[in-house]
Amino acid sequence: QRAAPQFTQRDASAWLNSAPRRIEDFRGQVLLIDVWTFDCWNCYRSFPWLRDLEQRLAPAGLAVVGIHSPEFSHERERQRVAAKVREFGIGHPVMLDNDFAYWKALGNRYWPAFYLVDKRGAIRGRFVGETHRDDRNARQIEALITELLAE
């Protein structure tokens, strides 16, 4: 287990749906970190599952933060990301990781990637790839969230 890296963007302009957040803001909750980019179809197709998961488990203590790490230059524009956040119905905080500092801090290599952080701030799971309700990835993620919420 290693501590989840601190969110790398402190400026309000690098956050959507929230003021800048810190990892410790989520102590006592289970945090799912979703690394995505808006031109990634696998990311886009994972959002219905993610929205459903968040709605079902937020009352029990699940929080979600999106990390938008752009693959292409046009994905670096805040207004384009904001439009996609609205289009995809994303209500949780989203940090714009245009410099890939958070991507690198995580040691990430894939879109989408989902990291689960326990109530004390330790990374306890990493899952990659398009995820749909009731598929293997979703079942594994949800089982680990349930376990972490019970700790």
Protein backbone atom coordinates (compact mmCIF):
# COMPACT_ATOMS: atom_id res chain seq x y z
CA GLN A 1 0.00 0.00 0.00
CA ARG A 2 1.19 3.48 -0.77
CA ALA A 3 -0.30 6.83 0.04
CA ALA A 4 -2.38 8.39 -2.69
CA PRO A 5 -0.41 11.27 -4.20
CA GLN A 6 -1.54 14.78 -3.40
CA PHE A 7 -3.63 16.39 -6.15
CA THR A 8 -1.16 18.41 -8.20
CA GLN A 9 -3.27 21.37 -9.32
CA ARG A 10 -3.92 24.09 -6.73
CA ASP A 11 -5.33 26.79 -9.00
CA ALA A 12 -9.13 27.05 -9.18
CA SER A 13 -8.98 27.27 -12.99
CA ALA A 14 -7.68 23.68 -13.06
CA TRP A 15 -10.80 22.31 -11.34
CA LEU A 16 -14.36 21.80 -12.53
CA ASN A 17 -17.41 21.28 -10.26
CA SER A 18 -15.33 22.14 -7.19
CA ALA A 19 -12.75 24.38 -5.61
CA PRO A 20 -9.29 22.77 -5.55
CA ARG A 21 -9.31 19.65 -3.41
CA ARG A 22 -6.67 17.82 -1.38
CA ILE A 23 -6.44 14.09 -0.75
CA GLU A 24 -7.00 14.67 2.97
CA ASP A 25 -10.40 16.25 2.19
CA PHE A 26 -11.58 12.67 1.61
CA ARG A 27 -10.26 11.09 4.81
CA GLY A 28 -12.99 8.93 6.30
CA GLN A 29 -14.44 8.23 2.85
CA VAL A 30 -13.52 5.74 0.16
CA LEU A 31 -12.28 7.68 -2.86
CA LEU A 32 -12.46 6.47 -6.45
CA ILE A 33 -10.07 8.38 -8.71
CA ASP A 34 -11.09 8.15 -12.38
CA VAL A 35 -8.31 9.00 -14.87
CA TRP A 36 -9.87 9.84 -18.23
CA THR A 37 -9.77 12.06 -21.29
CA PHE A 38 -12.75 13.21 -23.32
CA ASP A 39 -11.82 11.76 -26.71
CA CYS A 40 -11.37 8.30 -25.19
CA TRP A 41 -14.33 6.12 -26.19
CA ASN A 42 -13.55 3.59 -23.48
CA CYS A 43 -13.74 6.41 -20.93
CA TYR A 44 -16.99 7.73 -22.39
CA ARG A 45 -18.61 4.29 -22.36
CA SER A 46 -17.64 3.81 -18.69
CA PHE A 47 -19.53 6.90 -17.48
CA PRO A 48 -23.01 5.30 -17.20
CA TRP A 49 -21.58 2.66 -14.85
CA LEU A 50 -19.60 5.26 -12.90
CA ARG A 51 -22.64 7.56 -12.49
CA ASP A 52 -24.74 4.62 -11.26
CA LEU A 53 -22.01 3.49 -8.85
CA GLU A 54 -21.62 6.99 -7.45
CA GLN A 55 -25.37 7.46 -6.96
CA ARG A 56 -25.74 4.12 -5.21
CA LEU A 57 -22.69 4.26 -2.95
CA ALA A 58 -22.18 7.97 -2.19
CA PRO A 59 -24.63 7.77 0.74
CA ALA A 60 -22.46 4.99 2.23
CA GLY A 61 -19.28 7.08 1.95
CA LEU A 62 -17.96 6.78 -1.62
CA ALA A 63 -16.49 9.92 -3.20
CA VAL A 64 -15.29 10.28 -6.80
CA VAL A 65 -12.72 12.65 -8.29
CA GLY A 66 -12.02 12.72 -12.01
CA ILE A 67 -8.53 13.39 -13.33
CA HIS A 68 -8.70 14.63 -16.92
CA SER A 69 -5.31 13.83 -18.48
CA PRO A 70 -5.50 14.89 -22.15
CA GLU A 71 -4.20 12.70 -24.95
CA PHE A 72 -4.50 15.39 -27.66
CA SER A 73 -3.81 19.14 -27.61
CA HIS A 74 -7.47 20.16 -28.14
CA GLU A 75 -8.34 18.24 -24.95
CA ARG A 76 -6.27 20.72 -22.92
CA GLU A 77 -8.79 23.55 -23.33
CA ARG A 78 -10.76 24.09 -20.13
CA GLN A 79 -13.96 25.16 -21.91
CA ARG A 80 -13.98 21.99 -24.04
CA VAL A 81 -13.46 19.79 -21.00
CA ALA A 82 -16.21 21.71 -19.14
CA ALA A 83 -18.61 21.15 -22.06
CA LYS A 84 -17.87 17.41 -22.03
CA VAL A 85 -18.29 17.24 -18.25
CA ARG A 86 -21.79 18.73 -18.70
CA GLU A 87 -22.57 16.49 -21.69
CA PHE A 88 -21.52 13.34 -19.81
CA GLY A 89 -23.45 14.37 -16.67
CA ILE A 90 -20.39 14.39 -14.42
CA GLY A 91 -21.16 16.08 -11.10
CA HIS A 92 -18.08 15.16 -9.06
CA PRO A 93 -14.89 17.26 -8.92
CA VAL A 94 -12.66 17.05 -11.99
CA MET A 95 -9.01 18.14 -11.96
CA LEU A 96 -7.41 19.18 -15.25
CA ASP A 97 -4.09 17.35 -15.39
CA ASN A 98 -2.75 19.10 -18.51
CA ASP A 99 0.88 18.74 -17.40
CA PHE A 100 0.38 15.03 -16.56
CA ALA A 101 1.82 15.65 -13.09
CA TYR A 102 -0.89 13.57 -11.40
CA TRP A 103 -0.75 10.88 -14.10
CA LYS A 104 2.99 10.58 -13.40
CA ALA A 105 2.53 10.68 -9.61
CA LEU A 106 0.14 7.73 -9.91
CA GLY A 107 2.47 5.90 -12.29
CA ASN A 108 -0.53 5.63 -14.61
CA ARG A 109 -0.35 4.32 -18.18
CA TYR A 110 -3.97 3.87 -19.31
CA TRP A 111 -7.30 5.57 -20.00
CA PRO A 112 -9.57 4.95 -18.25
CA ALA A 113 -7.95 3.94 -14.99
CA PHE A 114 -9.70 3.69 -11.64
CA TYR A 115 -7.81 3.94 -8.35
CA LEU A 116 -9.43 3.12 -5.01
CA VAL A 117 -8.18 5.01 -1.97
CA ASP A 118 -9.14 3.85 1.51
CA LYS A 119 -10.41 5.99 4.38
CA ARG A 120 -6.84 6.65 5.55
CA GLY A 121 -5.59 7.80 2.14
CA ALA A 122 -3.80 4.65 0.91
CA ILE A 123 -4.21 3.34 -2.63
CA ARG A 124 -5.75 -0.11 -2.28
CA GLY A 125 -6.68 -0.97 -5.85
CA ARG A 126 -6.07 -0.07 -9.49
CA PHE A 127 -8.29 -1.16 -12.35
CA VAL A 128 -7.96 -0.27 -16.02
CA GLY A 129 -10.18 -0.37 -19.07
CA GLU A 130 -13.73 0.25 -20.16
CA THR A 131 -16.14 -0.76 -17.43
CA HIS A 132 -19.86 -1.57 -17.58
CA ARG A 133 -22.42 -2.48 -14.95
CA ASP A 134 -22.06 -6.14 -13.94
CA ASP A 135 -18.90 -6.82 -15.98
CA ARG A 136 -15.84 -8.33 -14.31
CA ASN A 137 -14.11 -4.98 -13.72
CA ALA A 138 -17.27 -3.47 -12.20
CA ARG A 139 -17.80 -6.47 -9.91
CA GLN A 140 -14.19 -6.35 -8.68
CA ILE A 141 -14.27 -2.59 -8.12
CA GLU A 142 -17.59 -2.69 -6.30
CA ALA A 143 -16.45 -5.62 -4.11
CA LEU A 144 -13.34 -3.71 -3.06
CA ILE A 145 -15.35 -0.52 -2.40
CA THR A 146 -17.73 -2.51 -0.19
CA GLU A 147 -14.78 -4.00 1.70
CA LEU A 148 -13.12 -0.59 2.15
CA LEU A 149 -16.36 1.06 3.30
CA ALA A 150 -16.66 -1.62 6.02
CA GLU A 151 -13.18 -0.96 7.42
